């Protein structure tokens, strides 16, 4: 392989999803998920899974660490915020484009009306958002099994690190 590997960083997704899913604790969730994201590079998670899956896994771990509800909990209130990125649900490329344009604030947060590229409002209420599974509302390529496996993989790293730390203290 000649050590020439390019791995996509989940940082853009961390920023966006922490802002959307945890608007009240946005900065705190982002900071902790960023730390967990850096540690995830000690695992195979970034090689095995899409960067959006790694990002959401780290956000869920950060939320659990901060004792906040997660998108995997029933009736998670902020999951509805993903609607603004799903009107109308389109290709993954268009969805990602909207997602990465989050910093440009190309939508009205208060009215939750998405703005078209030409500046006109798109108030199309017919969307697939309501019939999608919760994981598809987070990202079109997100699979719950992959998410759970990624969380498990990252958590195993921390469990091993704690075991090693305890062993070092006993020596």
Protein backbone atom coordinates (compact mmCIF):
# COMPACT_ATOMS: atom_id res chain seq x y z
CA UNK A 1 0.00 0.00 0.00
CA UNK A 2 3.03 2.25 0.35
CA UNK A 3 1.21 3.99 3.25
CA UNK A 4 -0.69 6.14 0.77
CA UNK A 5 -4.21 6.13 2.22
CA UNK A 6 -6.72 8.95 2.06
CA UNK A 7 -9.41 8.85 4.70
CA UNK A 8 -12.27 11.34 4.73
CA UNK A 9 -12.57 13.18 8.01
CA UNK A 10 -15.98 13.19 9.65
CA UNK A 11 -15.51 16.74 11.00
CA UNK A 12 -17.94 18.47 8.61
CA UNK A 13 -20.65 16.01 9.57
CA UNK A 14 -19.82 16.41 13.27
CA UNK A 15 -20.35 20.14 13.09
CA UNK A 16 -23.58 19.93 11.14
CA UNK A 17 -25.20 17.03 12.97
CA UNK A 18 -24.32 18.31 16.43
CA UNK A 19 -25.88 21.67 15.51
CA UNK A 20 -29.02 20.06 14.14
CA UNK A 21 -29.53 17.28 16.66
CA UNK A 22 -28.43 19.19 19.78
CA UNK A 23 -29.10 22.89 19.23
CA UNK A 24 -29.17 23.56 22.99
CA UNK A 25 -25.85 21.78 23.62
CA UNK A 26 -24.33 22.25 20.18
CA UNK A 27 -20.85 23.39 21.19
CA UNK A 28 -20.44 20.88 24.00
CA UNK A 29 -21.60 17.92 21.89
CA UNK A 30 -19.41 19.04 19.01
CA UNK A 31 -16.29 19.36 21.20
CA UNK A 32 -16.72 15.93 22.79
CA UNK A 33 -17.64 14.24 19.51
CA UNK A 34 -14.56 15.81 17.91
CA UNK A 35 -12.37 14.30 20.64
CA UNK A 36 -14.01 10.92 20.16
CA UNK A 37 -13.55 11.33 16.41
CA UNK A 38 -9.81 11.80 16.79
CA UNK A 39 -9.64 8.72 19.00
CA UNK A 40 -11.64 6.74 16.45
CA UNK A 41 -8.56 6.80 14.22
CA UNK A 42 -6.98 4.34 16.66
CA UNK A 43 -9.64 1.87 15.46
CA UNK A 44 -10.65 0.50 12.08
CA UNK A 45 -13.86 2.53 12.13
CA UNK A 46 -12.71 5.16 9.62
CA UNK A 47 -11.57 2.48 7.20
CA UNK A 48 -14.67 0.31 7.49
CA UNK A 49 -17.46 2.88 7.58
CA UNK A 50 -18.58 5.97 5.72
CA UNK A 51 -17.51 9.21 7.41
CA UNK A 52 -21.14 10.17 8.13
CA UNK A 53 -21.56 6.92 10.08
CA UNK A 54 -18.39 7.58 12.08
CA UNK A 55 -19.56 11.14 12.76
CA UNK A 56 -23.00 10.11 13.98
CA UNK A 57 -21.44 7.32 16.06
CA UNK A 58 -19.18 9.84 17.75
CA UNK A 59 -22.08 12.21 18.35
CA UNK A 60 -24.10 9.42 19.95
CA UNK A 61 -21.14 8.46 22.14
CA UNK A 62 -20.70 12.13 23.12
CA UNK A 63 -24.40 12.44 23.91
CA UNK A 64 -24.28 9.33 26.10
CA UNK A 65 -21.17 10.69 27.80
CA UNK A 66 -22.99 13.98 28.49
CA UNK A 67 -26.16 12.11 29.60
CA UNK A 68 -28.22 13.54 26.73
CA UNK A 69 -30.88 11.67 24.76
CA UNK A 70 -29.71 10.19 21.46
CA UNK A 71 -31.36 9.82 18.05
CA UNK A 72 -31.67 6.12 18.83
CA UNK A 73 -34.05 6.92 21.68
CA UNK A 74 -37.76 6.82 20.95
CA UNK A 75 -39.31 10.28 20.52
CA UNK A 76 -35.99 12.09 20.15
CA UNK A 77 -37.31 15.64 19.75
CA UNK A 78 -34.62 17.19 17.53
CA UNK A 79 -34.73 14.54 14.84
CA UNK A 80 -37.46 16.58 13.19
CA UNK A 81 -34.82 19.25 12.49
CA UNK A 82 -33.49 17.02 9.73
CA UNK A 83 -36.63 17.84 7.72
CA UNK A 84 -35.03 21.04 6.44
CA UNK A 85 -32.44 18.96 4.62
CA UNK A 86 -35.02 16.58 3.16
CA UNK A 87 -37.35 18.92 1.28
CA UNK A 88 -37.47 17.47 -1.30
CA UNK A 89 -35.41 14.36 -0.63
CA UNK A 90 -33.10 13.98 -3.56
CA UNK A 91 -29.93 12.20 -4.47
CA UNK A 92 -27.22 11.65 -1.89
CA UNK A 93 -25.08 14.21 -3.71
CA UNK A 94 -27.74 16.93 -3.39
CA UNK A 95 -28.37 15.99 0.23
CA UNK A 96 -24.65 16.23 1.03
CA UNK A 97 -24.41 19.53 -0.81
CA UNK A 98 -27.15 20.96 1.40
CA UNK A 99 -25.54 19.43 4.44
CA UNK A 100 -22.13 20.93 3.73
CA UNK A 101 -23.71 24.31 2.92
CA UNK A 102 -25.07 24.42 6.46
CA UNK A 103 -22.54 27.04 7.49
CA UNK A 104 -23.89 29.31 4.76
CA UNK A 105 -27.27 29.23 6.52
CA UNK A 106 -29.08 28.76 3.21
CA UNK A 107 -32.35 28.08 5.00
CA UNK A 108 -34.49 29.96 7.51
CA UNK A 109 -34.04 28.24 10.84
CA UNK A 110 -37.15 29.75 12.39
CA UNK A 111 -39.57 28.98 9.58
CA UNK A 112 -37.80 25.79 8.50
CA UNK A 113 -38.28 26.72 4.86
CA UNK A 114 -35.47 25.64 2.56
CA UNK A 115 -34.19 28.26 0.14
CA UNK A 116 -33.55 27.25 -3.46
CA UNK A 117 -30.19 28.03 -5.04
CA UNK A 118 -31.75 31.05 -6.77
CA UNK A 119 -33.01 32.46 -3.45
CA UNK A 120 -36.66 31.49 -3.84
CA UNK A 121 -38.37 29.65 -1.01
CA UNK A 122 -39.17 25.99 -1.53
CA UNK A 123 -42.14 25.32 0.71
CA UNK A 124 -42.91 21.96 -0.85
CA UNK A 125 -44.52 20.06 2.01
CA UNK A 126 -44.57 16.70 0.26
CA UNK A 127 -41.47 14.89 1.36
CA UNK A 128 -40.44 11.37 2.09
CA UNK A 129 -39.16 12.46 5.48
CA UNK A 130 -42.19 11.19 7.38
CA UNK A 131 -42.06 7.70 5.90
CA UNK A 132 -38.31 7.21 6.24
CA UNK A 133 -36.83 5.22 9.08
CA UNK A 134 -35.13 7.44 11.66
CA UNK A 135 -31.66 6.42 10.47
CA UNK A 136 -32.43 7.44 6.89
CA UNK A 137 -33.49 10.85 8.18
CA UNK A 138 -29.96 11.38 9.45
CA UNK A 139 -28.24 10.44 6.22
CA UNK A 140 -29.36 8.56 3.10
CA UNK A 141 -26.57 5.97 3.35
CA UNK A 142 -26.84 5.37 7.06
CA UNK A 143 -27.59 1.81 8.10
CA UNK A 144 -28.47 1.06 11.71
CA UNK A 145 -26.34 -2.10 11.79
CA UNK A 146 -23.30 -0.18 10.56
CA UNK A 147 -23.96 2.55 13.10
CA UNK A 148 -24.23 0.09 15.98
CA UNK A 149 -21.10 -1.76 14.84
CA UNK A 150 -19.15 1.49 14.55
CA UNK A 151 -20.24 2.58 18.03
CA UNK A 152 -19.25 -0.82 19.40
CA UNK A 153 -15.85 -0.64 17.68
CA UNK A 154 -15.07 2.80 19.09
CA UNK A 155 -16.29 1.85 22.57
CA UNK A 156 -14.09 -1.25 22.52
CA UNK A 157 -11.10 1.04 22.04
CA UNK A 158 -12.02 2.94 25.23
CA UNK A 159 -12.66 -0.27 27.17
CA UNK A 160 -9.24 -1.59 26.14
CA UNK A 161 -7.61 1.72 27.04
CA UNK A 162 -9.18 1.63 30.50
CA UNK A 163 -8.05 -1.97 31.03
CA UNK A 164 -4.51 -1.04 30.01
CA UNK A 165 -4.55 1.99 32.32
CA UNK A 166 -5.66 -0.16 35.25
CA UNK A 167 -2.97 -2.73 34.46
CA UNK A 168 -0.32 0.00 34.34
CA UNK A 169 -1.40 1.29 37.74
CA UNK A 170 -1.09 -2.17 39.25
CA UNK A 171 2.51 -2.52 38.08
